[in-house]
């Protein structure tokens, strides 16, 4: 029997958002094996997803690396795929369609567009709306695409909670990729100081850094959550977000997790994109959008936090 391939390379937020679509695809193809082609940093996490039967790692080496591409082509050919759901919709995956995974039914943005509809116009729509339209075009009922269930991805963190908070807490994600510094609000240190003054021991202020963010977190004077002096894994991160009283974040993966867990929180946007386009805002999880994050002062953010937290 043939199998189904889903392509979603990352980032963490993108994979979190794709979980509902992956579940809908699995429900539609109940008797087929569903495999995910993704990047190595997220492969272990996604290998535990109950809607997948396997994960294939794509190192995404440069396209001039013919040796790697030939090996990837051979690896993928062993699985007898009959359909590909390209949820990444990137230039790389377009290249794969043309040269690596040829002559197979393919679902992508291009196959979703209506006659005379421009891809540039379609791409302006919210990401989950686009994903839903893409799946419906293949006849898939989209029960979960916009109603993402992350219950499978949580892990017992009672030891960490006892160590760092022992009650309700405010959780901050002041980090972002080094390549995306324009997404980073620069005043978290001052925000943490004022939150500690306001709430004292009622709501400890926690930070959960990634592997390259520990030093930065320690400098911000919040409680830095580590597991045996190492960053917590993704499942523990999801559990930590799930139990938080309130979350404040840049536009990062943890913000998307908080949104889909329906947590109370606030995400800060510059002009790089909008909350609507990335499908992150809901009744509890709100956004502040400004042209330049440097112009967003701490008191404005605090006012929003107090209004939602008190």
C-alpha atoms as a PDB file:
ATOM      1  CA  UNK A   1       0.000   0.000   0.000  1.00  0.00           C
ATOM      2  CA  UNK A   2       1.233   3.507  -0.798  1.00  0.00           C
ATOM      3  CA  UNK A   3       2.115   6.091   1.833  1.00  0.00           C
ATOM      4  CA  UNK A   4       1.560   9.826   2.355  1.00  0.00           C
ATOM      5  CA  UNK A   5       4.342  12.397   2.816  1.00  0.00           C
ATOM      6  CA  UNK A   6       3.929  15.705   4.657  1.00  0.00           C
ATOM      7  CA  UNK A   7       6.679  18.305   4.299  1.00  0.00           C
ATOM      8  CA  UNK A   8       7.128  20.818   7.107  1.00  0.00           C
ATOM      9  CA  UNK A   9      10.721  21.747   7.855  1.00  0.00           C
ATOM     10  CA  UNK A  10      10.179  24.127  10.769  1.00  0.00           C
ATOM     11  CA  UNK A  11      10.410  26.342  12.713  1.00  0.00           C
ATOM     12  CA  UNK A  12       8.949  25.177  16.042  1.00  0.00           C
ATOM     13  CA  UNK A  13       6.000  27.553  15.745  1.00  0.00           C
ATOM     14  CA  UNK A  14       5.321  26.355  12.205  1.00  0.00           C
ATOM     15  CA  UNK A  15       5.318  22.703  13.294  1.00  0.00           C
ATOM     16  CA  UNK A  16       3.016  23.468  16.210  1.00  0.00           C
ATOM     17  CA  UNK A  17       0.628  25.155  13.790  1.00  0.00           C
ATOM     18  CA  UNK A  18       0.779  22.183  11.414  1.00  0.00           C
ATOM     19  CA  UNK A  19      -0.280  19.696  14.098  1.00  0.00           C
ATOM     20  CA  UNK A  20      -3.984  20.108  13.413  1.00  0.00           C
ATOM     21  CA  UNK A  21      -3.524  19.654   9.668  1.00  0.00           C
ATOM     22  CA  UNK A  22      -1.376  16.568  10.282  1.00  0.00           C
ATOM     23  CA  UNK A  23      -4.154  15.098  12.440  1.00  0.00           C
ATOM     24  CA  UNK A  24      -6.769  15.807   9.754  1.00  0.00           C
ATOM     25  CA  UNK A  25      -4.581  14.165   7.093  1.00  0.00           C
ATOM     26  CA  UNK A  26      -4.133  11.100   9.308  1.00  0.00           C
ATOM     27  CA  UNK A  27      -7.869  10.853   9.931  1.00  0.00           C
ATOM     28  CA  UNK A  28      -8.533  11.010   6.184  1.00  0.00           C
ATOM     29  CA  UNK A  29      -5.902   8.414   5.273  1.00  0.00           C
ATOM     30  CA  UNK A  30      -6.608   6.026   8.161  1.00  0.00           C
ATOM     31  CA  UNK A  31      -5.159   2.999   6.401  1.00  0.00           C
ATOM     32  CA  UNK A  32      -2.033   4.694   5.065  1.00  0.00           C
ATOM     33  CA  UNK A  33       1.246   5.454   6.753  1.00  0.00           C
ATOM     34  CA  UNK A  34       1.814   9.175   7.217  1.00  0.00           C
ATOM     35  CA  UNK A  35       5.428  10.354   7.269  1.00  0.00           C
ATOM     36  CA  UNK A  36       6.866  13.789   7.914  1.00  0.00           C
ATOM     37  CA  UNK A  37       9.905  15.308   6.212  1.00  0.00           C
ATOM     38  CA  UNK A  38      11.333  17.863   8.634  1.00  0.00           C
ATOM     39  CA  UNK A  39      14.505  19.429   9.995  1.00  0.00           C
ATOM     40  CA  UNK A  40      16.698  17.641  12.515  1.00  0.00           C
ATOM     41  CA  UNK A  41      16.104  19.977  15.496  1.00  0.00           C
ATOM     42  CA  UNK A  42      12.419  18.986  15.600  1.00  0.00           C
ATOM     43  CA  UNK A  43      12.645  15.355  14.474  1.00  0.00           C
ATOM     44  CA  UNK A  44      12.707  13.779  17.950  1.00  0.00           C
ATOM     45  CA  UNK A  45       9.762  15.868  19.137  1.00  0.00           C
ATOM     46  CA  UNK A  46       7.674  15.133  16.051  1.00  0.00           C
ATOM     47  CA  UNK A  47       8.546  11.418  16.168  1.00  0.00           C
ATOM     48  CA  UNK A  48       6.318  11.243  19.251  1.00  0.00           C
ATOM     49  CA  UNK A  49       3.334  12.782  17.440  1.00  0.00           C
ATOM     50  CA  UNK A  50       0.543  10.155  17.447  1.00  0.00           C
ATOM     51  CA  UNK A  51      -0.692  11.252  14.020  1.00  0.00           C
ATOM     52  CA  UNK A  52       2.575  10.279  12.322  1.00  0.00           C
ATOM     53  CA  UNK A  53       3.995   6.869  11.479  1.00  0.00           C
ATOM     54  CA  UNK A  54       7.516   8.123  10.986  1.00  0.00           C
ATOM     55  CA  UNK A  55       9.808  11.110  10.577  1.00  0.00           C
ATOM     56  CA  UNK A  56      12.421  11.606   7.854  1.00  0.00           C
ATOM     57  CA  UNK A  57      15.192  14.110   8.519  1.00  0.00           C
ATOM     58  CA  UNK A  58      16.076  16.626   5.828  1.00  0.00           C
ATOM     59  CA  UNK A  59      19.403  18.336   6.531  1.00  0.00           C
ATOM     60  CA  UNK A  60      18.473  20.973   3.942  1.00  0.00           C
ATOM     61  CA  UNK A  61      21.985  21.147   2.564  1.00  0.00           C
ATOM     62  CA  UNK A  62      22.649  23.534  -0.350  1.00  0.00           C
ATOM     63  CA  UNK A  63      20.996  22.500  -3.586  1.00  0.00           C
ATOM     64  CA  UNK A  64      24.340  22.316  -5.342  1.00  0.00           C
ATOM     65  CA  UNK A  65      25.155  19.340  -3.091  1.00  0.00           C
ATOM     66  CA  UNK A  66      24.198  16.721  -5.679  1.00  0.00           C
ATOM     67  CA  UNK A  67      25.470  13.855  -3.526  1.00  0.00           C
ATOM     68  CA  UNK A  68      23.096  14.744  -0.686  1.00  0.00           C
ATOM     69  CA  UNK A  69      20.126  15.342  -2.981  1.00  0.00           C
ATOM     70  CA  UNK A  70      20.614  11.996  -4.725  1.00  0.00           C
ATOM     71  CA  UNK A  71      20.718  10.235  -1.367  1.00  0.00           C
ATOM     72  CA  UNK A  72      17.570  12.046  -0.245  1.00  0.00           C
ATOM     73  CA  UNK A  73      15.837  11.077  -3.482  1.00  0.00           C
ATOM     74  CA  UNK A  74      16.777   7.421  -2.997  1.00  0.00           C
ATOM     75  CA  UNK A  75      15.642   7.472   0.629  1.00  0.00           C
ATOM     76  CA  UNK A  76      12.250   8.965  -0.217  1.00  0.00           C
ATOM     77  CA  UNK A  77      11.710   6.569  -3.128  1.00  0.00           C
ATOM     78  CA  UNK A  78      11.747   3.598  -0.737  1.00  0.00           C
ATOM     79  CA  UNK A  79       8.494   4.678   0.898  1.00  0.00           C
ATOM     80  CA  UNK A  80       6.239   4.379  -2.158  1.00  0.00           C
ATOM     81  CA  UNK A  81       4.559   7.735  -1.654  1.00  0.00           C
ATOM     82  CA  UNK A  82       1.385   8.349  -3.641  1.00  0.00           C
ATOM     83  CA  UNK A  83       0.749  11.912  -2.443  1.00  0.00           C
ATOM     84  CA  UNK A  84       2.726  14.786  -0.959  1.00  0.00           C
ATOM     85  CA  UNK A  85       1.239  17.515   1.231  1.00  0.00           C
ATOM     86  CA  UNK A  86       3.659  20.417   1.011  1.00  0.00           C
ATOM     87  CA  UNK A  87       2.847  22.475   4.105  1.00  0.00           C
ATOM     88  CA  UNK A  88       6.138  24.362   3.855  1.00  0.00           C
ATOM     89  CA  UNK A  89       5.459  25.857   0.410  1.00  0.00           C
ATOM     90  CA  UNK A  90       9.000  27.153  -0.002  1.00  0.00           C
ATOM     91  CA  UNK A  91      11.389  27.493  -2.916  1.00  0.00           C
ATOM     92  CA  UNK A  92      13.166  24.387  -1.632  1.00  0.00           C
ATOM     93  CA  UNK A  93      10.020  22.269  -1.689  1.00  0.00           C
ATOM     94  CA  UNK A  94       9.171  23.538  -5.182  1.00  0.00           C
ATOM     95  CA  UNK A  95      12.626  22.313  -6.184  1.00  0.00           C
ATOM     96  CA  UNK A  96      11.898  18.942  -4.566  1.00  0.00           C
ATOM     97  CA  UNK A  97       8.689  18.625  -6.545  1.00  0.00           C
ATOM     98  CA  UNK A  98      10.545  19.220  -9.788  1.00  0.00           C
ATOM     99  CA  UNK A  99      13.665  17.143  -9.166  1.00  0.00           C
ATOM    100  CA  UNK A 100      13.435  14.961  -6.025  1.00  0.00           C
ATOM    101  CA  UNK A 101       9.845  13.734  -5.622  1.00  0.00           C
ATOM    102  CA  UNK A 102       8.636  13.715  -9.208  1.00  0.00           C
ATOM    103  CA  UNK A 103       5.524  12.257 -10.798  1.00  0.00           C
ATOM    104  CA  UNK A 104       3.553  12.086  -7.549  1.00  0.00           C
ATOM    105  CA  UNK A 105       0.291  13.861  -6.741  1.00  0.00           C
ATOM    106  CA  UNK A 106       1.232  17.068  -4.935  1.00  0.00           C
ATOM    107  CA  UNK A 107      -0.773  19.382  -2.695  1.00  0.00           C
ATOM    108  CA  UNK A 108       0.676  22.870  -2.277  1.00  0.00           C
ATOM    109  CA  UNK A 109      -0.205  26.533  -2.515  1.00  0.00           C
ATOM    110  CA  UNK A 110       0.083  26.331  -6.309  1.00  0.00           C
ATOM    111  CA  UNK A 111      -2.415  23.460  -6.540  1.00  0.00           C
ATOM    112  CA  UNK A 112      -4.769  25.328  -4.197  1.00  0.00           C
ATOM    113  CA  UNK A 113      -5.061  28.610  -6.086  1.00  0.00           C
ATOM    114  CA  UNK A 114      -8.281  29.392  -7.900  1.00  0.00           C
ATOM    115  CA  UNK A 115      -8.120  30.341 -11.602  1.00  0.00           C
ATOM    116  CA  UNK A 116      -6.594  33.815 -11.992  1.00  0.00           C
ATOM    117  CA  UNK A 117      -5.719  33.944  -8.267  1.00  0.00           C
ATOM    118  CA  UNK A 118      -2.212  35.199  -7.539  1.00  0.00           C
ATOM    119  CA  UNK A 119      -0.013  33.386  -5.022  1.00  0.00           C
ATOM    120  CA  UNK A 120       1.049  36.756  -3.589  1.00  0.00           C
ATOM    121  CA  UNK A 121      -2.596  37.510  -2.753  1.00  0.00           C
ATOM    122  CA  UNK A 122      -3.230  34.048  -1.313  1.00  0.00           C
ATOM    123  CA  UNK A 123      -0.146  34.335   0.907  1.00  0.00           C
ATOM    124  CA  UNK A 124      -1.607  37.425   2.576  1.00  0.00           C
ATOM    125  CA  UNK A 125      -4.320  35.302   4.181  1.00  0.00           C
ATOM    126  CA  UNK A 126      -3.867  33.890   7.735  1.00  0.00           C
ATOM    127  CA  UNK A 127      -1.627  30.838   7.700  1.00  0.00           C
ATOM    128  CA  UNK A 128      -4.206  28.469   9.215  1.00  0.00           C
ATOM    129  CA  UNK A 129      -6.839  29.652   6.740  1.00  0.00           C
ATOM    130  CA  UNK A 130      -4.418  28.847   3.908  1.00  0.00           C
ATOM    131  CA  UNK A 131      -3.702  25.426   5.371  1.00  0.00           C
ATOM    132  CA  UNK A 132      -7.414  24.707   5.708  1.00  0.00           C
ATOM    133  CA  UNK A 133      -8.103  25.707   2.103  1.00  0.00           C
ATOM    134  CA  UNK A 134      -5.199  23.547   0.911  1.00  0.00           C
ATOM    135  CA  UNK A 135      -6.508  20.443   2.680  1.00  0.00           C
ATOM    136  CA  UNK A 136     -10.109  21.014   1.614  1.00  0.00           C
ATOM    137  CA  UNK A 137      -8.905  21.178  -1.988  1.00  0.00           C
ATOM    138  CA  UNK A 138      -7.855  17.535  -1.533  1.00  0.00           C
ATOM    139  CA  UNK A 139     -11.243  16.605  -0.098  1.00  0.00           C
ATOM    140  CA  UNK A 140     -10.043  16.454   3.510  1.00  0.00           C
ATOM    141  CA  UNK A 141     -12.405  17.414   6.319  1.00  0.00           C
ATOM    142  CA  UNK A 142     -10.574  20.005   8.405  1.00  0.00           C
ATOM    143  CA  UNK A 143     -11.868  19.392  11.904  1.00  0.00           C
ATOM    144  CA  UNK A 144      -8.557  20.064  13.653  1.00  0.00           C
ATOM    145  CA  UNK A 145      -6.538  22.266  11.271  1.00  0.00           C
ATOM    146  CA  UNK A 146      -7.656  25.395  13.115  1.00  0.00           C
ATOM    147  CA  UNK A 147      -8.359  23.641  16.429  1.00  0.00           C
ATOM    148  CA  UNK A 148      -4.966  22.305  17.361  1.00  0.00           C
ATOM    149  CA  UNK A 149      -4.720  19.673  20.108  1.00  0.00           C
ATOM    150  CA  UNK A 150      -1.343  19.554  21.877  1.00  0.00           C
ATOM    151  CA  UNK A 151      -2.370  17.239  24.716  1.00  0.00           C
ATOM    152  CA  UNK A 152      -0.075  14.511  23.349  1.00  0.00           C
ATOM    153  CA  UNK A 153       2.922  16.830  23.677  1.00  0.00           C
ATOM    154  CA  UNK A 154       2.805  17.531  27.405  1.00  0.00           C
ATOM    155  CA  UNK A 155       5.052  15.965  30.027  1.00  0.00           C
ATOM    156  CA  UNK A 156       5.063  15.806  33.827  1.00  0.00           C
ATOM    157  CA  UNK A 157       6.932  18.856  35.152  1.00  0.00           C
ATOM    158  CA  UNK A 158       5.864  18.767  38.802  1.00  0.00           C
ATOM    159  CA  UNK A 159       9.522  18.662  39.903  1.00  0.00           C
ATOM    160  CA  UNK A 160      10.357  21.782  37.875  1.00  0.00           C
ATOM    161  CA  UNK A 161       7.270  23.626  39.117  1.00  0.00           C
ATOM    162  CA  UNK A 162       8.188  22.856  42.720  1.00  0.00           C
ATOM    163  CA  UNK A 163      11.767  23.987  42.095  1.00  0.00           C
ATOM    164  CA  UNK A 164      11.009  27.290  40.367  1.00  0.00           C
ATOM    165  CA  UNK A 165       7.507  28.442  41.271  1.00  0.00           C
ATOM    166  CA  UNK A 166       5.382  26.101  43.396  1.00  0.00           C
ATOM    167  CA  UNK A 167       2.319  28.119  42.380  1.00  0.00           C
ATOM    168  CA  UNK A 168       1.113  30.315  39.505  1.00  0.00           C
ATOM    169  CA  UNK A 169       3.749  32.185  37.526  1.00  0.00           C
ATOM    170  CA  UNK A 170       4.321  34.648  34.703  1.00  0.00           C
ATOM    171  CA  UNK A 171       6.353  33.188  31.848  1.00  0.00           C
ATOM    172  CA  UNK A 172       8.426  35.336  29.480  1.00  0.00           C
ATOM    173  CA  UNK A 173      10.059  34.573  26.134  1.00  0.00           C
ATOM    174  CA  UNK A 174      12.269  37.575  25.350  1.00  0.00           C
ATOM    175  CA  UNK A 175      14.362  35.633  22.850  1.00  0.00           C
ATOM    176  CA  UNK A 176      14.448  35.272  19.087  1.00  0.00           C
ATOM    177  CA  UNK A 177      16.718  33.922  16.400  1.00  0.00           C
ATOM    178  CA  UNK A 178      19.987  35.814  15.936  1.00  0.00           C
ATOM    179  CA  UNK A 179      18.957  36.242  12.302  1.00  0.00           C
ATOM    180  CA  UNK A 180      15.667  37.898  13.282  1.00  0.00           C
ATOM    181  CA  UNK A 181      16.678  40.607  15.732  1.00  0.00           C
ATOM    182  CA  UNK A 182      14.013  42.935  14.333  1.00  0.00           C
ATOM    183  CA  UNK A 183      11.438  40.676  16.063  1.00  0.00           C
ATOM    184  CA  UNK A 184      12.965  41.288  19.485  1.00  0.00           C
ATOM    185  CA  UNK A 185      11.502  43.807  21.943  1.00  0.00           C
ATOM    186  CA  UNK A 186      14.474  45.369  23.797  1.00  0.00           C
ATOM    187  CA  UNK A 187      12.952  46.235  27.184  1.00  0.00           C
ATOM    188  CA  UNK A 188      12.331  42.904  28.903  1.00  0.00           C
ATOM    189  CA  UNK A 189      14.810  43.586  31.724  1.00  0.00           C
ATOM    190  CA  UNK A 190      12.874  46.672  32.785  1.00  0.00           C
ATOM    191  CA  UNK A 191       9.579  44.806  32.366  1.00  0.00           C
ATOM    192  CA  UNK A 192      10.769  41.992  34.646  1.00  0.00           C
ATOM    193  CA  UNK A 193      11.867  44.479  37.299  1.00  0.00           C
ATOM    194  CA  UNK A 194       8.451  46.168  37.322  1.00  0.00           C
ATOM    195  CA  UNK A 195       6.558  42.862  37.322  1.00  0.00           C
ATOM    196  CA  UNK A 196       8.569  41.719  40.345  1.00  0.00           C
ATOM    197  CA  UNK A 197       7.791  44.994  42.109  1.00  0.00           C
ATOM    198  CA  UNK A 198       4.089  44.694  41.316  1.00  0.00           C
ATOM    199  CA  UNK A 199       3.505  41.021  42.109  1.00  0.00           C
ATOM    200  CA  UNK A 200       6.437  40.199  44.425  1.00  0.00           C
ATOM    201  CA  UNK A 201       6.056  36.508  45.359  1.00  0.00           C
ATOM    202  CA  UNK A 202       2.484  36.164  44.083  1.00  0.00           C
ATOM    203  CA  UNK A 203       3.559  35.489  40.491  1.00  0.00           C
ATOM    204  CA  UNK A 204       7.244  34.561  40.085  1.00  0.00           C
ATOM    205  CA  UNK A 205       8.654  35.684  36.727  1.00  0.00           C
ATOM    206  CA  UNK A 206      10.119  32.708  34.856  1.00  0.00           C
ATOM    207  CA  UNK A 207      12.235  32.461  31.696  1.00  0.00           C
ATOM    208  CA  UNK A 208      12.675  29.281  29.654  1.00  0.00           C
ATOM    209  CA  UNK A 209      15.672  29.766  27.341  1.00  0.00           C
ATOM    210  CA  UNK A 210      16.769  27.604  24.443  1.00  0.00           C
ATOM    211  CA  UNK A 211      20.297  26.189  24.043  1.00  0.00           C
ATOM    212  CA  UNK A 212      21.847  29.479  22.913  1.00  0.00           C
ATOM    213  CA  UNK A 213      19.820  31.766  25.180  1.00  0.00           C
ATOM    214  CA  UNK A 214      20.892  30.826  28.726  1.00  0.00           C
ATOM    215  CA  UNK A 215      23.395  33.660  29.224  1.00  0.00           C
ATOM    216  CA  UNK A 216      20.904  36.198  27.942  1.00  0.00           C
ATOM    217  CA  UNK A 217      18.215  34.828  30.264  1.00  0.00           C
ATOM    218  CA  UNK A 218      20.494  34.964  33.304  1.00  0.00           C
ATOM    219  CA  UNK A 219      21.211  38.628  32.583  1.00  0.00           C
ATOM    220  CA  UNK A 220      17.514  39.526  32.719  1.00  0.00           C
ATOM    221  CA  UNK A 221      17.096  38.770  36.450  1.00  0.00           C
ATOM    222  CA  UNK A 222      14.101  36.456  36.206  1.00  0.00           C
ATOM    223  CA  UNK A 223      14.053  32.837  37.355  1.00  0.00           C
ATOM    224  CA  UNK A 224      15.713  30.818  34.585  1.00  0.00           C
ATOM    225  CA  UNK A 225      14.102  27.392  34.217  1.00  0.00           C
ATOM    226  CA  UNK A 226      16.678  24.699  33.453  1.00  0.00           C
ATOM    227  CA  UNK A 227      16.564  20.917  33.725  1.00  0.00           C
ATOM    228  CA  UNK A 228      19.837  19.647  35.213  1.00  0.00           C
ATOM    229  CA  UNK A 229      21.475  22.886  34.053  1.00  0.00           C
ATOM    230  CA  UNK A 230      20.258  22.375  30.485  1.00  0.00           C
ATOM    231  CA  UNK A 231      17.344  23.889  28.546  1.00  0.00           C
ATOM    232  CA  UNK A 232      14.093  21.991  28.974  1.00  0.00           C
ATOM    233  CA  UNK A 233      12.915  19.854  26.055  1.00  0.00           C
ATOM    234  CA  UNK A 234       9.987  20.836  23.849  1.00  0.00           C
ATOM    235  CA  UNK A 235       7.428  18.684  25.678  1.00  0.00           C
ATOM    236  CA  UNK A 236       8.403  20.179  29.036  1.00  0.00           C
ATOM    237  CA  UNK A 237       8.313  23.629  27.452  1.00  0.00           C
ATOM    238  CA  UNK A 238       4.738  23.011  26.296  1.00  0.00           C
ATOM    239  CA  UNK A 239       3.791  21.822  29.786  1.00  0.00           C
ATOM    240  CA  UNK A 240       5.417  24.878  31.366  1.00  0.00           C
ATOM    241  CA  UNK A 241       3.424  27.154  29.047  1.00  0.00           C
ATOM    242  CA  UNK A 242       0.243  25.170  29.728  1.00  0.00           C
ATOM    243  CA  UNK A 243       0.479  25.809  33.490  1.00  0.00           C
ATOM    244  CA  UNK A 244       1.477  29.494  33.315  1.00  0.00           C
ATOM    245  CA  UNK A 245      -0.800  32.233  34.612  1.00  0.00           C
ATOM    246  CA  UNK A 246       0.278  34.638  31.872  1.00  0.00           C
ATOM    247  CA  UNK A 247       2.771  34.656  28.973  1.00  0.00           C
ATOM    248  CA  UNK A 248       4.604  37.589  27.372  1.00  0.00           C
ATOM    249  CA  UNK A 249       6.620  36.852  24.251  1.00  0.00           C
ATOM    250  CA  UNK A 250       8.160  38.048  21.055  1.00  0.00           C
ATOM    251  CA  UNK A 251       6.848  36.467  17.855  1.00  0.00           C
ATOM    252  CA  UNK A 252       8.439  33.057  18.478  1.00  0.00           C
ATOM    253  CA  UNK A 253       7.525  29.370  18.658  1.00  0.00           C
ATOM    254  CA  UNK A 254       6.518  29.492  22.348  1.00  0.00           C
ATOM    255  CA  UNK A 255       4.055  32.280  21.549  1.00  0.00           C
ATOM    256  CA  UNK A 256       2.327  30.000  19.042  1.00  0.00           C
ATOM    257  CA  UNK A 257       2.226  27.236  21.638  1.00  0.00           C
ATOM    258  CA  UNK A 258       0.622  29.614  24.147  1.00  0.00           C
ATOM    259  CA  UNK A 259      -1.949  30.719  21.588  1.00  0.00           C
ATOM    260  CA  UNK A 260      -2.982  27.170  20.690  1.00  0.00           C
ATOM    261  CA  UNK A 261      -3.182  26.235  24.364  1.00  0.00           C
ATOM    262  CA  UNK A 262      -5.598  29.173  24.728  1.00  0.00           C
ATOM    263  CA  UNK A 263      -3.464  30.770  27.428  1.00  0.00           C
ATOM    264  CA  UNK A 264      -3.795  34.342  28.625  1.00  0.00           C
ATOM    265  CA  UNK A 265      -0.916  36.298  27.229  1.00  0.00           C
ATOM    266  CA  UNK A 266       0.558  38.956  25.048  1.00  0.00           C
ATOM    267  CA  UNK A 267       2.756  38.742  21.945  1.00  0.00           C
ATOM    268  CA  UNK A 268       4.705  41.756  20.682  1.00  0.00           C
ATOM    269  CA  UNK A 269       4.945  42.474  16.959  1.00  0.00           C
ATOM    270  CA  UNK A 270       6.969  44.886  14.912  1.00  0.00           C
ATOM    271  CA  UNK A 271       6.297  45.515  11.237  1.00  0.00           C
ATOM    272  CA  UNK A 272       7.786  42.177  10.075  1.00  0.00           C
ATOM    273  CA  UNK A 273       4.327  40.579   9.927  1.00  0.00           C
ATOM    274  CA  UNK A 274       0.928  40.752  11.634  1.00  0.00           C
ATOM    275  CA  UNK A 275      -0.829  38.704  14.291  1.00  0.00           C
ATOM    276  CA  UNK A 276      -3.620  37.999  11.818  1.00  0.00           C
ATOM    277  CA  UNK A 277      -1.317  36.644   9.124  1.00  0.00           C
ATOM    278  CA  UNK A 278       0.388  34.174  11.471  1.00  0.00           C
ATOM    279  CA  UNK A 279      -2.931  33.111  13.078  1.00  0.00           C
ATOM    280  CA  UNK A 280      -1.736  33.751  16.625  1.00  0.00           C
ATOM    281  CA  UNK A 281      -4.347  36.009  18.219  1.00  0.00           C
ATOM    282  CA  UNK A 282      -7.496  34.758  19.963  1.00  0.00           C
ATOM    283  CA  UNK A 283      -9.817  35.722  22.830  1.00  0.00           C
ATOM    284  CA  UNK A 284      -7.202  35.146  25.543  1.00  0.00           C
ATOM    285  CA  UNK A 285      -3.932  35.579  23.686  1.00  0.00           C
ATOM    286  CA  UNK A 286      -3.626  39.116  22.348  1.00  0.00           C
ATOM    287  CA  UNK A 287      -1.043  41.131  20.458  1.00  0.00           C
ATOM    288  CA  UNK A 288       0.466  44.596  20.470  1.00  0.00           C
ATOM    289  CA  UNK A 289       1.667  45.665  17.034  1.00  0.00           C
ATOM    290  CA  UNK A 290       3.887  48.655  16.347  1.00  0.00           C
ATOM    291  CA  UNK A 291       5.979  49.771  13.417  1.00  0.00           C
ATOM    292  CA  UNK A 292       9.236  49.553  15.378  1.00  0.00           C
ATOM    293  CA  UNK A 293       9.527  47.527  18.599  1.00  0.00           C
ATOM    294  CA  UNK A 294      12.050  50.032  19.974  1.00  0.00           C
ATOM    295  CA  UNK A 295       9.193  52.546  20.121  1.00  0.00           C
ATOM    296  CA  UNK A 296       6.994  50.293  22.287  1.00  0.00           C
ATOM    297  CA  UNK A 297       7.522  51.481  25.869  1.00  0.00           C
ATOM    298  CA  UNK A 298       7.321  49.313  28.975  1.00  0.00           C
ATOM    299  CA  UNK A 299       4.363  51.138  30.510  1.00  0.00           C
ATOM    300  CA  UNK A 300       2.208  50.410  27.452  1.00  0.00           C
ATOM    301  CA  UNK A 301       2.973  46.703  27.765  1.00  0.00           C
ATOM    302  CA  UNK A 302       2.419  46.761  31.539  1.00  0.00           C
ATOM    303  CA  UNK A 303      -0.977  48.414  31.094  1.00  0.00           C
ATOM    304  CA  UNK A 304      -2.094  45.530  28.849  1.00  0.00           C
ATOM    305  CA  UNK A 305      -0.707  42.933  31.264  1.00  0.00           C
ATOM    306  CA  UNK A 306      -2.415  44.457  34.301  1.00  0.00           C
ATOM    307  CA  UNK A 307      -5.734  44.702  32.454  1.00  0.00           C
ATOM    308  CA  UNK A 308      -5.683  41.007  31.590  1.00  0.00           C
ATOM    309  CA  UNK A 309      -4.025  39.625  34.710  1.00  0.00           C
ATOM    310  CA  UNK A 310      -5.835  41.472  37.487  1.00  0.00           C
END
